[in-house]
Amino acid sequence: AKIGLGKAQNGYPARAEVKRYYFEDEGNVPEPAIDAVQPTPAAAPANDNRQAAARPAAAAAPAGGARKNPWSK
């Protein structure tokens, strides 16, 4: 790390501050890319208690069909 002297503020003297960090692999990082071989997702555990996917909606009833109640129109 590079240490530098900061500014004096509000009556306090200047203090040492970290100005720059140095890393071992600086400038030696590969470009991000997507691998050709992707990992497969893990299988669901046997004790998975979530609800199963919802069934598709039933087809709508045809218009003018038998009514449940005589007063429903």
N, C-alpha and C. Protein backbone atom coordinates (compact mmCIF):
# COMPACT_ATOMS: atom_id res chain seq x y z
N ALA A 1 0.84 -1.17 0.00
CA ALA A 1 0.00 0.00 0.00
C ALA A 1 0.88 1.23 0.00
N LYS A 2 0.40 2.26 -0.65
CA LYS A 2 1.12 3.53 -0.67
C LYS A 2 0.46 4.43 0.37
N ILE A 3 1.24 4.95 1.28
CA ILE A 3 0.73 5.80 2.35
C ILE A 3 1.10 7.24 2.02
N GLY A 4 0.12 8.15 2.14
CA GLY A 4 0.37 9.56 1.88
C GLY A 4 -0.18 10.39 3.02
N LEU A 5 0.14 11.67 3.01
CA LEU A 5 -0.32 12.57 4.06
C LEU A 5 -1.60 13.25 3.60
N GLY A 6 -2.65 13.16 4.40
CA GLY A 6 -3.93 13.76 4.06
C GLY A 6 -3.96 15.24 4.41
N LYS A 7 -5.10 15.89 4.20
CA LYS A 7 -5.25 17.32 4.49
C LYS A 7 -5.54 17.53 5.97
N ALA A 8 -5.12 18.67 6.47
CA ALA A 8 -5.48 19.07 7.83
C ALA A 8 -6.89 19.67 7.76
N GLN A 9 -7.77 19.29 8.70
CA GLN A 9 -9.15 19.77 8.66
C GLN A 9 -9.62 20.17 10.05
N ASN A 10 -10.34 21.29 10.14
CA ASN A 10 -11.01 21.75 11.35
C ASN A 10 -10.09 21.74 12.57
N GLY A 11 -8.89 22.25 12.42
CA GLY A 11 -7.99 22.33 13.56
C GLY A 11 -7.24 21.06 13.88
N TYR A 12 -7.48 19.98 13.15
CA TYR A 12 -6.77 18.73 13.38
C TYR A 12 -5.58 18.65 12.42
N PRO A 13 -4.47 18.13 12.88
CA PRO A 13 -3.30 18.04 11.99
C PRO A 13 -3.53 16.98 10.91
N ALA A 14 -2.73 17.07 9.84
CA ALA A 14 -2.82 16.09 8.76
C ALA A 14 -2.42 14.73 9.29
N ARG A 15 -2.99 13.68 8.73
CA ARG A 15 -2.66 12.33 9.19
C ARG A 15 -2.34 11.44 7.99
N ALA A 16 -1.68 10.36 8.27
CA ALA A 16 -1.31 9.42 7.21
C ALA A 16 -2.55 8.67 6.74
N GLU A 17 -2.71 8.56 5.42
CA GLU A 17 -3.85 7.86 4.84
C GLU A 17 -3.36 6.91 3.76
N VAL A 18 -4.10 5.85 3.54
CA VAL A 18 -3.77 4.92 2.46
C VAL A 18 -4.22 5.57 1.16
N LYS A 19 -3.29 5.78 0.26
CA LYS A 19 -3.61 6.44 -1.01
C LYS A 19 -3.85 5.44 -2.14
N ARG A 20 -3.14 4.31 -2.11
CA ARG A 20 -3.29 3.34 -3.19
C ARG A 20 -2.96 1.96 -2.66
N TYR A 21 -3.76 0.97 -3.08
CA TYR A 21 -3.50 -0.41 -2.71
C TYR A 21 -2.83 -1.11 -3.89
N TYR A 22 -1.92 -2.00 -3.59
CA TYR A 22 -1.26 -2.80 -4.62
C TYR A 22 -1.62 -4.26 -4.40
N PHE A 23 -1.95 -4.95 -5.47
CA PHE A 23 -2.32 -6.35 -5.39
C PHE A 23 -1.33 -7.17 -6.22
N GLU A 24 -1.11 -8.41 -5.79
CA GLU A 24 -0.14 -9.27 -6.46
C GLU A 24 -0.50 -9.51 -7.92
N ASP A 25 -1.80 -9.70 -8.21
CA ASP A 25 -2.22 -10.03 -9.57
C ASP A 25 -2.65 -8.80 -10.36
N GLU A 26 -2.23 -7.62 -9.97
CA GLU A 26 -2.64 -6.40 -10.65
C GLU A 26 -2.16 -6.42 -12.10
N GLY A 27 -3.07 -6.23 -13.03
CA GLY A 27 -2.74 -6.23 -14.44
C GLY A 27 -2.59 -7.63 -15.02
N ASN A 28 -2.76 -8.67 -14.21
CA ASN A 28 -2.57 -10.04 -14.68
C ASN A 28 -3.88 -10.82 -14.53
N VAL A 29 -5.00 -10.17 -14.81
CA VAL A 29 -6.31 -10.79 -14.64
C VAL A 29 -6.87 -11.13 -16.03
N PRO A 30 -7.33 -12.35 -16.26
CA PRO A 30 -7.86 -12.70 -17.58
C PRO A 30 -9.18 -11.98 -17.86
N GLU A 31 -9.48 -11.84 -19.13
CA GLU A 31 -10.74 -11.21 -19.53
C GLU A 31 -11.90 -12.11 -19.13
N PRO A 32 -13.01 -11.54 -18.65
CA PRO A 32 -14.16 -12.39 -18.29
C PRO A 32 -14.76 -13.02 -19.55
N ALA A 33 -15.09 -14.29 -19.46
CA ALA A 33 -15.66 -15.00 -20.60
C ALA A 33 -16.55 -16.14 -20.08
N ILE A 34 -17.44 -16.61 -20.94
CA ILE A 34 -18.32 -17.72 -20.59
C ILE A 34 -17.67 -19.00 -21.09
N ASP A 35 -17.53 -19.97 -20.22
CA ASP A 35 -16.92 -21.24 -20.60
C ASP A 35 -17.84 -22.02 -21.54
N ALA A 36 -17.23 -22.81 -22.42
CA ALA A 36 -18.02 -23.62 -23.35
C ALA A 36 -18.75 -24.73 -22.60
N VAL A 37 -18.16 -25.26 -21.55
CA VAL A 37 -18.78 -26.32 -20.77
C VAL A 37 -19.32 -25.70 -19.49
N GLN A 38 -20.63 -25.72 -19.34
CA GLN A 38 -21.27 -25.15 -18.16
C GLN A 38 -21.61 -26.25 -17.17
N PRO A 39 -21.54 -25.98 -15.87
CA PRO A 39 -21.92 -27.01 -14.89
C PRO A 39 -23.42 -27.27 -14.95
N THR A 40 -23.80 -28.51 -14.70
CA THR A 40 -25.22 -28.86 -14.71
C THR A 40 -25.84 -28.50 -13.36
N PRO A 41 -27.09 -28.08 -13.34
CA PRO A 41 -27.73 -27.75 -12.06
C PRO A 41 -27.90 -29.00 -11.21
N ALA A 42 -27.79 -28.83 -9.92
CA ALA A 42 -27.92 -29.96 -9.00
C ALA A 42 -29.36 -30.46 -8.99
N ALA A 43 -29.54 -31.76 -8.83
CA ALA A 43 -30.88 -32.35 -8.77
C ALA A 43 -31.57 -31.92 -7.47
N ALA A 44 -32.89 -31.84 -7.50
CA ALA A 44 -33.64 -31.46 -6.31
C ALA A 44 -33.50 -32.54 -5.25
N PRO A 45 -33.34 -32.15 -4.00
CA PRO A 45 -33.21 -33.17 -2.95
C PRO A 45 -34.52 -33.94 -2.77
N ALA A 46 -34.42 -35.13 -2.20
CA ALA A 46 -35.58 -36.00 -2.03
C ALA A 46 -36.58 -35.41 -1.04
N ASN A 47 -36.13 -34.59 -0.12
CA ASN A 47 -37.04 -34.03 0.89
C ASN A 47 -37.50 -32.63 0.51
N ASP A 48 -37.60 -32.34 -0.77
CA ASP A 48 -38.06 -31.03 -1.23
C ASP A 48 -39.58 -30.97 -1.08
N ASN A 49 -40.08 -30.17 -0.16
CA ASN A 49 -41.51 -30.13 0.15
C ASN A 49 -42.25 -28.99 -0.53
N ARG A 50 -41.63 -28.37 -1.52
CA ARG A 50 -42.33 -27.30 -2.21
C ARG A 50 -43.46 -27.87 -3.06
N GLN A 51 -44.46 -27.01 -3.32
CA GLN A 51 -45.59 -27.47 -4.13
C GLN A 51 -45.13 -27.72 -5.56
N ALA A 52 -45.77 -28.68 -6.21
CA ALA A 52 -45.46 -28.97 -7.60
C ALA A 52 -45.96 -27.82 -8.46
N ALA A 53 -45.49 -27.74 -9.67
CA ALA A 53 -45.91 -26.68 -10.58
C ALA A 53 -47.41 -26.76 -10.80
N ALA A 54 -48.04 -25.61 -10.93
CA ALA A 54 -49.50 -25.56 -11.09
C ALA A 54 -49.90 -26.18 -12.43
N ARG A 55 -51.05 -26.83 -12.42
CA ARG A 55 -51.58 -27.42 -13.65
C ARG A 55 -52.06 -26.30 -14.56
N PRO A 56 -52.07 -26.52 -15.87
CA PRO A 56 -52.58 -25.48 -16.77
C PRO A 56 -54.07 -25.25 -16.52
N ALA A 57 -54.54 -24.05 -16.81
CA ALA A 57 -55.94 -23.69 -16.56
C ALA A 57 -56.86 -24.52 -17.45
N ALA A 58 -58.04 -24.84 -16.92
CA ALA A 58 -59.03 -25.61 -17.68
C ALA A 58 -59.60 -24.73 -18.79
N ALA A 59 -60.07 -25.35 -19.85
CA ALA A 59 -60.65 -24.60 -20.97
C ALA A 59 -61.93 -23.91 -20.49
N ALA A 60 -62.20 -22.74 -21.06
CA ALA A 60 -63.39 -21.98 -20.67
C ALA A 60 -64.65 -22.73 -21.12
N ALA A 61 -65.71 -22.62 -20.32
CA ALA A 61 -66.98 -23.28 -20.66
C ALA A 61 -67.61 -22.57 -21.86
N PRO A 62 -68.23 -23.29 -22.77
CA PRO A 62 -68.86 -22.64 -23.93
C PRO A 62 -70.02 -21.75 -23.48
N ALA A 63 -70.23 -20.68 -24.21
CA ALA A 63 -71.30 -19.73 -23.87
C ALA A 63 -72.66 -20.38 -24.11
N GLY A 64 -73.65 -20.04 -23.29
CA GLY A 64 -75.01 -20.54 -23.46
C GLY A 64 -75.19 -21.96 -22.96
N GLY A 65 -74.30 -22.46 -22.17
CA GLY A 65 -74.40 -23.82 -21.66
C GLY A 65 -75.38 -23.89 -20.50
N ALA A 66 -75.49 -25.05 -19.89
CA ALA A 66 -76.39 -25.23 -18.75
C ALA A 66 -75.90 -24.38 -17.59
N ARG A 67 -76.86 -23.74 -16.94
CA ARG A 67 -76.52 -22.86 -15.83
C ARG A 67 -76.79 -23.56 -14.51
N LYS A 68 -76.00 -23.18 -13.50
CA LYS A 68 -76.20 -23.76 -12.18
C LYS A 68 -77.51 -23.28 -11.56
N ASN A 69 -77.73 -21.97 -11.66
CA ASN A 69 -78.91 -21.38 -11.02
C ASN A 69 -79.78 -20.71 -12.07
N PRO A 70 -81.08 -20.78 -11.91
CA PRO A 70 -81.96 -20.15 -12.90
C PRO A 70 -81.83 -18.63 -12.92
N TRP A 71 -81.40 -18.01 -11.83
CA TRP A 71 -81.33 -16.55 -11.78
C TRP A 71 -79.99 -16.02 -12.26
N SER A 72 -79.01 -16.88 -12.50
CA SER A 72 -77.72 -16.37 -12.99
C SER A 72 -77.79 -16.18 -14.49
N LYS A 73 -77.36 -15.05 -14.95
CA LYS A 73 -77.43 -14.75 -16.39
C LYS A 73 -76.07 -14.42 -16.91
